[in-house]
Structures are given as C-alpha cells and as structure tokens.
C-alpha cells in the first residue's frame, strides 16, 4: 500500500468535473487535499473517514506543515487510540472551500488564471460530502466502516449518512447539530462583518503581489468564535479576573486581563494559517446547513430506511451545540427506526471538549467502533 501514490501524507488529487454545487454553480474540476494512515485491508472494509471542524484541516494526526504543531486530533486518531492505523485505514480530507490545499477562494480559477477570491461559488456541507465521496472513489473505497467528526465535522457525518446511506456502516457525531440555530448564525455574522470591515479585505481581492491580507478582521472573527468554544466555568477557572503581567489595572485599553491576552493570541496566531475568504465561505456553508430542510422539512426523513449505526455524543457544558441538539437528532433517528446510541458527557471545557483530554469520549468511541467492526 505504501507504494501506491494515492496513499500517505500531504496528498492532493484533482477530481475531474463538472462538479455541480447545491447553489447551481459548476466547478470545472476540484482539488482535494487529504492524508491517509494505516492500510486498507483486502476486503476494503476497514476505512474510517475523519471530518474536520471549521478551522481544521487534513492533518488530523500528522504535524502541521505551517505551525509545526501535532495533528489536531491525536487524542482520537493514532496508535493505541480509538481510530488506530493498526486496525483502520484512516482518511481525512480538507473540506471544499478551505485554504489548506482543497479548492477554495484562494485557488486559481482556470478560466482567468487568477485566484477566485469572491468569485468562488458559495458551497454547502452537502457539497463537501459529495467531494469526499469522489475522493473515496479515487481511493477505491466503496463502503466506509465509519465516518467520524465533531462540530462541523459532525454535520458532515450527518450529510454522509443522509446522502450515502449505503456507503456508511456507522456514523459518530460529536458535539454537533442537524442545523445551525439563529444564535450560531449570529455569531458567524459578527465574524464575517469583522473581516469585511477590515480595509485590507478589498472585496476579497487581496491575493496580489504585495497585498496585505485582512489579518486584523480575521483575528477579531477568530476571537469572537473562540469564546463560543469555551464554557463560562472553564474561562473562570482558567483566567478568572486575573491581570496579565501586571499588579494593577492600566486604566487604558491594553490587555489588562489574562483572558484578553489569551483571546488576542488566539486571533493573531490563527491568521498565520487561515485565509479570511475561506472563513467567509465555510461559515456561510455551516449557516445554510439544515438537514431537515433538505429532506422535506422532517429530520427523520433524512434517515428513513437507513442501516447505518449511529453514535452521538454531547457535552453538558457545550452551549454552542448543546445536548438538546443531539437529542433532536436521536429522536429523529428513533422515529426513522435507525440504530442509535447516545451519551451526554460531563466536561468543563465547553464545545472544545471533543478536541481535549476527555477519556470518557475515547472509551465511548473506541467501544462503538469495535462493536461495529465485530
């Protein structure tokens, strides 16, 4: 398997078009960046697709080439972890619309020879799943043992289960929802407006030589979003009202408090690895997501007749995608007669708990995947 150029780290495939999008536009071809770990068995029955969240990428268990940091989900994917290359053939693809190798606004439009910028068509999460399905065809994988993801990754898992039920044996949906709420959309709109208010955004045309990208706007967008990933208890425990490297308040507008310094660091470091236009496109795709709307207005219709086995996990401190959102999916699965298990885990980490050290989550996912493979 190692001699096959399709498999390994930092791979990119150009999927021939035309690739029709939900919005009505058509891409002539689509680039998808991806990585694989482990070996596809002779029966081609051990493939697991990992779907990443909004600001993630395909470097799920390998060092990030820009930051040098370990993969974003090494607590879940890797030797001895629930998704283990010793047992599974693991695939993680960068989503359509992103800036880490897959086709997106920073990509060159073959029709003009210039970056698409805001001429890139608006995409949906179902478009992302369709592109991933073509990647699976390229890799010779017809049926996936599991599709696994948290947050926006969990939304992609739901799209997979609804759009390709005969290709998904099991689905693991963590800290996610079947649609974006008004509150979710509102937070994303704040971020998008911050980017578009940056004078360096220039209607998305900042890819030329010497152009300065809208890093200030993107940093603010990241700061606002990052607050939603945490819990009040977690913020209080980690920072409280403690001052940052000073004994008294400055009576100015520097980062007096540790939490301010933390958020500024999160915002600035994010701009080193992400494209502002991609942030616009992916958040818009998330806001458009409504699985029930795609299936006649009834969520259970999305899973009618499905033989896929589902595992849903929520966290009690997650207010971005609270447990009620997972319960709504479970109720729809029950109404459709689908096999579903569900657990709410206790964690102080808020929405980000699915990325952090929560041993109970690993035990749940490991037990579920072993039962599916048995």
Protein backbone atom coordinates (compact mmCIF):
# COMPACT_ATOMS: atom_id res chain seq x y z
CA UNK A 1 0.00 0.00 0.00
CA UNK A 2 2.91 2.36 0.68
CA UNK A 3 3.94 2.12 -2.99
CA UNK A 4 0.58 3.46 -4.14
CA UNK A 5 0.87 7.21 -4.72
CA UNK A 6 -2.74 7.69 -3.63
CA UNK A 7 -1.90 6.83 -0.03
CA UNK A 8 0.13 8.72 2.57
CA UNK A 9 0.59 12.20 3.99
CA UNK A 10 0.04 15.54 2.25
CA UNK A 11 -1.69 14.21 -0.84
CA UNK A 12 -3.71 16.25 -3.33
CA UNK A 13 -5.99 14.84 -6.02
CA UNK A 14 -7.69 16.73 -8.83
CA UNK A 15 -11.17 15.30 -9.25
CA UNK A 16 -12.38 15.82 -12.82
CA UNK A 17 -15.56 17.83 -13.28
CA UNK A 18 -18.01 19.04 -13.94
CA UNK A 19 -18.77 19.25 -10.22
CA UNK A 20 -22.27 20.62 -9.69
CA UNK A 21 -22.93 22.54 -6.49
CA UNK A 22 -26.14 22.94 -4.50
CA UNK A 23 -26.18 26.65 -5.29
CA UNK A 24 -26.40 25.96 -9.02
CA UNK A 25 -22.81 26.76 -9.97
CA UNK A 26 -20.47 24.22 -11.54
CA UNK A 27 -16.73 23.80 -10.93
CA UNK A 28 -14.72 22.50 -13.88
CA UNK A 29 -12.56 20.41 -11.52
CA UNK A 30 -11.98 20.11 -7.78
CA UNK A 31 -8.73 19.74 -5.87
CA UNK A 32 -8.95 17.85 -2.58
CA UNK A 33 -6.05 17.74 -0.13
CA UNK A 34 -6.04 14.71 2.12
CA UNK A 35 -3.98 12.31 4.21
CA UNK A 36 -4.24 8.58 4.83
CA UNK A 37 -2.92 6.49 7.70
CA UNK A 38 -2.81 2.73 8.05
CA UNK A 39 -3.50 0.09 5.42
CA UNK A 40 -6.67 -0.70 3.51
CA UNK A 41 -7.37 -4.39 4.10
CA UNK A 42 -8.01 -6.91 1.35
CA UNK A 43 -11.77 -6.70 1.85
CA UNK A 44 -11.62 -2.87 1.80
CA UNK A 45 -13.80 -2.91 4.88
CA UNK A 46 -11.72 -1.03 7.45
CA UNK A 47 -11.83 2.54 6.10
CA UNK A 48 -12.67 5.37 8.52
CA UNK A 49 -13.25 8.91 7.27
CA UNK A 50 -12.45 11.72 9.72
CA UNK A 51 -14.29 15.01 9.06
CA UNK A 52 -12.76 18.19 10.45
CA UNK A 53 -14.35 21.27 12.01
CA UNK A 54 -14.48 24.85 10.74
CA UNK A 55 -10.82 25.79 11.20
CA UNK A 56 -9.40 22.28 10.92
CA UNK A 57 -7.60 20.56 8.09
CA UNK A 58 -6.50 17.16 6.82
CA UNK A 59 -3.50 16.98 9.17
CA UNK A 60 -5.52 15.08 11.75
CA UNK A 61 -2.63 13.03 13.13
CA UNK A 62 0.48 14.47 11.49
CA UNK A 63 2.48 17.61 12.22
CA UNK A 64 1.02 20.73 10.65
CA UNK A 65 3.36 21.98 7.91
CA UNK A 66 2.84 25.67 8.74
CA UNK A 67 2.75 25.65 12.54
CA UNK A 68 4.79 22.52 13.29
CA UNK A 69 2.21 21.54 15.89
CA UNK A 70 0.91 17.95 16.22
CA UNK A 71 -2.25 16.98 14.36
CA UNK A 72 -5.48 18.45 15.68
CA UNK A 73 -7.00 15.13 16.88
CA UNK A 74 -4.10 12.98 18.03
CA UNK A 75 -6.13 12.22 21.17
CA UNK A 76 -8.59 10.31 18.96
CA UNK A 77 -6.54 9.23 15.93
CA UNK A 78 -3.23 7.40 16.12
CA UNK A 79 -1.51 4.31 17.53
CA UNK A 80 -3.43 2.99 20.53
CA UNK A 81 -6.25 5.50 20.04
CA UNK A 82 -9.90 4.70 19.16
CA UNK A 83 -9.18 5.30 15.47
CA UNK A 84 -5.97 3.31 15.12
CA UNK A 85 -3.87 2.89 11.95
CA UNK A 86 -3.05 -0.63 13.17
CA UNK A 87 -6.72 -1.55 12.68
CA UNK A 88 -8.14 1.12 10.40
CA UNK A 89 -7.42 2.72 7.06
CA UNK A 90 -7.90 6.36 8.04
CA UNK A 91 -8.68 9.18 5.64
CA UNK A 92 -9.00 12.87 6.47
CA UNK A 93 -9.79 15.33 3.68
CA UNK A 94 -9.57 19.11 3.71
CA UNK A 95 -13.05 20.45 3.00
CA UNK A 96 -14.07 22.15 -0.20
CA UNK A 97 -13.77 25.91 0.23
CA UNK A 98 -10.80 25.74 2.58
CA UNK A 99 -7.31 27.17 2.17
CA UNK A 100 -5.18 24.13 3.01
CA UNK A 101 -4.93 22.57 -0.44
CA UNK A 102 -8.53 21.93 -1.43
CA UNK A 103 -10.31 24.16 -3.95
CA UNK A 104 -11.43 27.42 -2.40
CA UNK A 105 -11.41 31.18 -2.90
CA UNK A 106 -7.59 31.32 -2.82
CA UNK A 107 -7.35 28.72 -5.62
CA UNK A 108 -6.61 29.74 -9.20
CA UNK A 109 -9.65 29.95 -11.44
CA UNK A 110 -8.66 28.07 -14.62
CA UNK A 111 -10.88 30.39 -16.65
CA UNK A 112 -8.95 33.52 -15.66
CA UNK A 113 -5.59 32.35 -14.33
CA UNK A 114 -6.19 34.42 -11.17
CA UNK A 115 -7.39 33.44 -7.69
CA UNK A 116 -11.16 33.06 -7.49
CA UNK A 117 -11.46 35.35 -4.46
CA UNK A 118 -15.18 36.11 -4.04
CA UNK A 119 -15.93 34.70 -7.48
CA UNK A 120 -15.66 31.24 -5.95
CA UNK A 121 -19.20 29.86 -5.74
CA UNK A 122 -20.93 29.57 -2.38
CA UNK A 123 -20.83 25.98 -1.16
CA UNK A 124 -22.76 23.77 1.25
CA UNK A 125 -21.86 20.97 3.63
CA UNK A 126 -23.53 18.56 1.23
CA UNK A 127 -21.15 19.80 -1.49
CA UNK A 128 -18.28 19.00 0.88
CA UNK A 129 -19.62 15.46 1.40
CA UNK A 130 -20.01 14.94 -2.35
CA UNK A 131 -16.38 15.91 -2.90
CA UNK A 132 -15.31 13.50 -0.15
CA UNK A 133 -17.34 10.73 -1.80
CA UNK A 134 -15.45 11.29 -5.05
CA UNK A 135 -12.21 11.09 -3.07
CA UNK A 136 -13.32 7.74 -1.64
CA UNK A 137 -13.98 6.54 -5.19
CA UNK A 138 -10.45 7.64 -6.12
CA UNK A 139 -9.06 5.66 -3.17
CA UNK A 140 -11.04 2.55 -4.08
CA UNK A 141 -13.26 2.67 -1.00
CA UNK A 142 -16.90 1.86 -1.67
CA UNK A 143 -18.18 1.40 1.90
CA UNK A 144 -16.81 3.14 4.99
CA UNK A 145 -16.62 1.33 8.31
CA UNK A 146 -17.26 4.69 9.95
CA UNK A 147 -17.47 8.41 9.34
CA UNK A 148 -16.39 10.34 12.44
CA UNK A 149 -16.43 14.04 13.25
CA UNK A 150 -17.07 16.74 15.81
CA UNK A 151 -18.72 20.15 15.44
CA UNK A 152 -18.83 20.97 11.70
CA UNK A 153 -17.25 17.56 11.20
CA UNK A 154 -20.31 16.02 12.84
CA UNK A 155 -22.52 17.90 10.40
CA UNK A 156 -20.57 16.37 7.53
CA UNK A 157 -21.06 12.95 9.13
CA UNK A 158 -24.82 13.54 9.12
CA UNK A 159 -24.67 14.60 5.46
CA UNK A 160 -22.79 11.42 4.63
CA UNK A 161 -25.32 9.26 6.44
CA UNK A 162 -28.24 11.00 4.72
CA UNK A 163 -26.77 11.27 1.22
CA UNK A 164 -24.85 7.97 1.03
CA UNK A 165 -26.59 5.61 3.49
CA UNK A 166 -25.40 2.54 1.57
CA UNK A 167 -21.78 3.66 1.89
CA UNK A 168 -21.71 4.29 5.67
CA UNK A 169 -21.79 1.37 8.11
CA UNK A 170 -21.55 3.61 11.15
CA UNK A 171 -21.59 7.31 11.99
CA UNK A 172 -20.04 9.04 15.03
CA UNK A 173 -21.43 12.54 15.60
CA UNK A 174 -19.78 14.52 18.42
CA UNK A 175 -20.82 17.93 19.79
CA UNK A 176 -22.82 18.78 16.72
CA UNK A 177 -26.29 19.61 15.39
CA UNK A 178 -28.60 18.92 12.45
CA UNK A 179 -28.94 22.61 11.67
CA UNK A 180 -27.46 25.96 12.59
CA UNK A 181 -29.53 27.96 15.05
CA UNK A 182 -30.19 31.70 14.88
CA UNK A 183 -27.59 32.18 17.62
CA UNK A 184 -24.99 30.21 15.66
CA UNK A 185 -25.69 32.28 12.54
CA UNK A 186 -25.48 35.50 14.56
CA UNK A 187 -22.00 34.72 15.90
CA UNK A 188 -20.79 33.83 12.40
CA UNK A 189 -22.19 37.06 11.00
CA UNK A 190 -20.22 39.06 13.58
CA UNK A 191 -17.07 37.32 12.37
CA UNK A 192 -17.83 37.86 8.70
CA UNK A 193 -18.57 41.55 9.25
CA UNK A 194 -15.29 41.94 11.14
CA UNK A 195 -13.42 40.54 8.14
CA UNK A 196 -15.31 42.61 5.57
CA UNK A 197 -14.86 45.78 7.65
CA UNK A 198 -11.07 45.40 7.51
CA UNK A 199 -9.85 47.87 4.85
CA UNK A 200 -7.37 45.27 3.64
CA UNK A 201 -10.20 42.90 2.66
CA UNK A 202 -10.92 44.94 -0.52
CA UNK A 203 -13.97 42.85 -1.54
CA UNK A 204 -11.81 39.73 -1.20
CA UNK A 205 -9.16 40.88 -3.69
CA UNK A 206 -6.00 40.67 -1.60
CA UNK A 207 -4.04 37.87 -3.31
CA UNK A 208 -1.81 40.02 -5.50
CA UNK A 209 1.94 40.62 -5.03
CA UNK A 210 2.48 42.95 -2.11
CA UNK A 211 -1.13 42.77 -0.97
CA UNK A 212 -1.72 42.67 2.78
CA UNK A 213 -4.49 40.27 3.82
CA UNK A 214 -7.20 41.36 6.27
CA UNK A 215 -5.50 39.84 9.29
CA UNK A 216 -6.99 42.28 11.80
CA UNK A 217 -10.54 41.43 10.79
CA UNK A 218 -9.83 37.72 10.70
CA UNK A 219 -8.24 37.86 14.15
CA UNK A 220 -11.34 39.52 15.59
CA UNK A 221 -13.54 36.91 13.89
CA UNK A 222 -11.49 34.17 15.47
CA UNK A 223 -11.63 35.81 18.90
CA UNK A 224 -15.42 36.06 18.79
CA UNK A 225 -15.79 32.46 17.64
CA UNK A 226 -13.30 31.15 20.19
CA UNK A 227 -15.43 32.45 23.04
CA UNK A 228 -18.25 30.16 21.87
CA UNK A 229 -15.96 27.13 22.01
CA UNK A 230 -15.36 27.57 25.75
CA UNK A 231 -17.60 27.49 28.82
CA UNK A 232 -18.08 30.16 31.45
CA UNK A 233 -16.86 27.75 34.12
CA UNK A 234 -13.81 26.90 32.05
CA UNK A 235 -12.96 30.55 31.43
CA UNK A 236 -13.43 31.39 35.10
CA UNK A 237 -11.25 28.50 36.22
CA UNK A 238 -8.51 29.22 33.70
CA UNK A 239 -8.43 33.03 33.88
CA UNK A 240 -10.97 34.47 36.29
CA UNK A 241 -10.35 38.21 36.54
CA UNK A 242 -6.60 37.82 36.93
CA UNK A 243 -4.44 40.53 35.44
CA UNK A 244 -1.89 39.87 32.71
CA UNK A 245 1.73 40.50 33.76
CA UNK A 246 0.88 43.48 35.96
CA UNK A 247 -0.05 44.27 39.54
CA UNK A 248 -2.69 46.93 38.89
CA UNK A 249 -5.06 47.95 36.11
CA UNK A 250 -3.54 50.18 33.45
CA UNK A 251 -6.59 52.41 33.10
CA UNK A 252 -6.12 52.06 29.35
CA UNK A 253 -7.07 49.63 26.60
CA UNK A 254 -4.13 47.27 26.62
CA UNK A 255 -4.78 43.63 27.54
CA UNK A 256 -5.17 44.16 31.28
CA UNK A 257 -6.81 40.77 31.89
CA UNK A 258 -5.36 37.36 31.14
CA UNK A 259 -8.45 36.38 29.17
CA UNK A 260 -7.95 39.39 26.89
CA UNK A 261 -4.35 38.42 26.23
CA UNK A 262 -5.41 34.84 25.57
CA UNK A 263 -8.03 35.83 23.01
CA UNK A 264 -5.65 38.21 21.25
CA UNK A 265 -3.09 35.44 20.97
CA UNK A 266 -5.70 33.05 19.58
CA UNK A 267 -6.74 35.60 16.99
CA UNK A 268 -3.28 36.59 15.83
CA UNK A 269 -1.92 33.03 15.64
CA UNK A 270 -4.94 31.96 13.60
CA UNK A 271 -4.13 34.44 10.83
CA UNK A 272 -0.82 32.66 10.20
CA UNK A 273 -2.57 29.56 8.93
CA UNK A 274 -6.00 30.52 7.61
CA UNK A 275 -7.42 32.57 4.77
CA UNK A 276 -10.08 35.19 5.52
CA UNK A 277 -12.15 34.45 2.42
CA UNK A 278 -12.21 30.75 3.29
CA UNK A 279 -13.55 31.72 6.71
CA UNK A 280 -16.39 33.57 4.98
CA UNK A 281 -17.26 30.65 2.75
CA UNK A 282 -17.10 27.89 5.34
CA UNK A 283 -19.10 29.79 7.94
CA UNK A 284 -21.74 30.51 5.29
CA UNK A 285 -21.87 26.79 4.43
CA UNK A 286 -22.45 26.00 8.11
CA UNK A 287 -25.18 28.62 8.38
CA UNK A 288 -27.00 27.14 5.39
CA UNK A 289 -26.92 23.68 6.94
CA UNK A 290 -30.38 22.37 7.82
CA UNK A 291 -30.68 18.62 7.29
CA UNK A 292 -34.44 18.57 7.85
CA UNK A 293 -34.95 21.28 5.24
CA UNK A 294 -33.01 19.16 2.74
CA UNK A 295 -35.45 16.28 3.35
CA UNK A 296 -38.91 17.78 3.15
CA UNK A 297 -38.80 19.61 6.47
CA UNK A 298 -38.74 16.47 8.65
CA UNK A 299 -35.42 15.38 10.09
CA UNK A 300 -36.44 11.71 10.35
CA UNK A 301 -36.82 11.63 6.57
CA UNK A 302 -33.06 12.05 6.26
CA UNK A 303 -32.55 8.64 7.89
CA UNK A 304 -35.55 6.70 6.56
CA UNK A 305 -34.61 3.07 5.91
CA UNK A 306 -31.01 3.64 6.98
CA UNK A 307 -28.98 0.61 8.05
CA UNK A 308 -26.22 2.86 9.42
CA UNK A 309 -25.47 2.57 13.14
CA UNK A 310 -25.18 5.93 14.89
CA UNK A 311 -23.28 7.06 17.96
CA UNK A 312 -23.97 10.57 19.25
CA UNK A 313 -22.05 12.35 22.00
CA UNK A 314 -22.70 15.73 23.58
CA UNK A 315 -21.11 17.65 26.47
CA UNK A 316 -23.01 19.22 29.34
CA UNK A 317 -21.03 22.48 29.20
CA UNK A 318 -21.33 22.97 25.42
CA UNK A 319 -23.61 25.96 24.81
CA UNK A 320 -22.69 26.31 21.12
CA UNK A 321 -24.21 22.91 20.24
CA UNK A 322 -25.99 21.95 23.45
CA UNK A 323 -27.22 18.49 24.34
CA UNK A 324 -30.73 19.39 23.15
CA UNK A 325 -29.39 19.48 19.58
CA UNK A 326 -28.06 15.92 19.87
CA UNK A 327 -31.29 14.75 21.46
CA UNK A 328 -33.23 16.13 18.49
CA UNK A 329 -31.10 14.01 16.16
CA UNK A 330 -31.60 10.94 18.35
CA UNK A 331 -35.36 11.45 18.33
CA UNK A 332 -35.30 11.68 14.54
CA UNK A 333 -33.19 8.52 14.30
CA UNK A 334 -35.63 6.70 16.60
CA UNK A 335 -38.57 7.89 14.50
CA UNK A 336 -36.82 6.58 11.38
CA UNK A 337 -36.10 3.22 13.03
CA UNK A 338 -32.34 3.69 12.81
CA UNK A 339 -29.94 2.14 15.31
CA UNK A 340 -28.67 4.88 17.60
CA UNK A 341 -26.80 5.22 20.86
CA UNK A 342 -26.36 8.50 22.72
CA UNK A 343 -24.46 9.78 25.73
CA UNK A 344 -24.01 13.18 27.33
CA UNK A 345 -20.57 13.50 28.91
CA UNK A 346 -19.60 15.86 31.70
CA UNK A 347 -16.73 18.23 30.94
CA UNK A 348 -15.74 21.75 31.99
CA UNK A 349 -14.25 22.51 28.56
CA UNK A 350 -17.38 23.58 26.68
CA UNK A 351 -17.64 22.87 22.96
CA UNK A 352 -13.88 22.32 22.64
CA UNK A 353 -14.17 19.23 24.85
CA UNK A 354 -14.20 16.97 21.78
CA UNK A 355 -10.65 18.12 20.99
CA UNK A 356 -9.31 17.96 24.53
CA UNK A 357 -8.44 15.29 27.07
CA UNK A 358 -11.78 13.64 27.87
CA UNK A 359 -11.04 9.94 28.49
CA UNK A 360 -14.74 9.07 28.57
CA UNK A 361 -15.09 10.22 24.96
CA UNK A 362 -12.29 7.92 23.87
CA UNK A 363 -13.87 4.98 25.67
CA UNK A 364 -17.24 5.63 24.03
CA UNK A 365 -15.85 5.95 20.51
CA UNK A 366 -13.46 3.01 20.91
CA UNK A 367 -16.20 0.72 22.19
CA UNK A 368 -18.59 1.75 19.44
CA UNK A 369 -16.08 1.24 16.61
CA UNK A 370 -15.02 -2.16 17.95
CA UNK A 371 -18.65 -3.27 18.14
CA UNK A 372 -19.32 -2.11 14.58
CA UNK A 373 -16.27 -3.95 13.24
CA UNK A 374 -17.06 -7.16 15.12
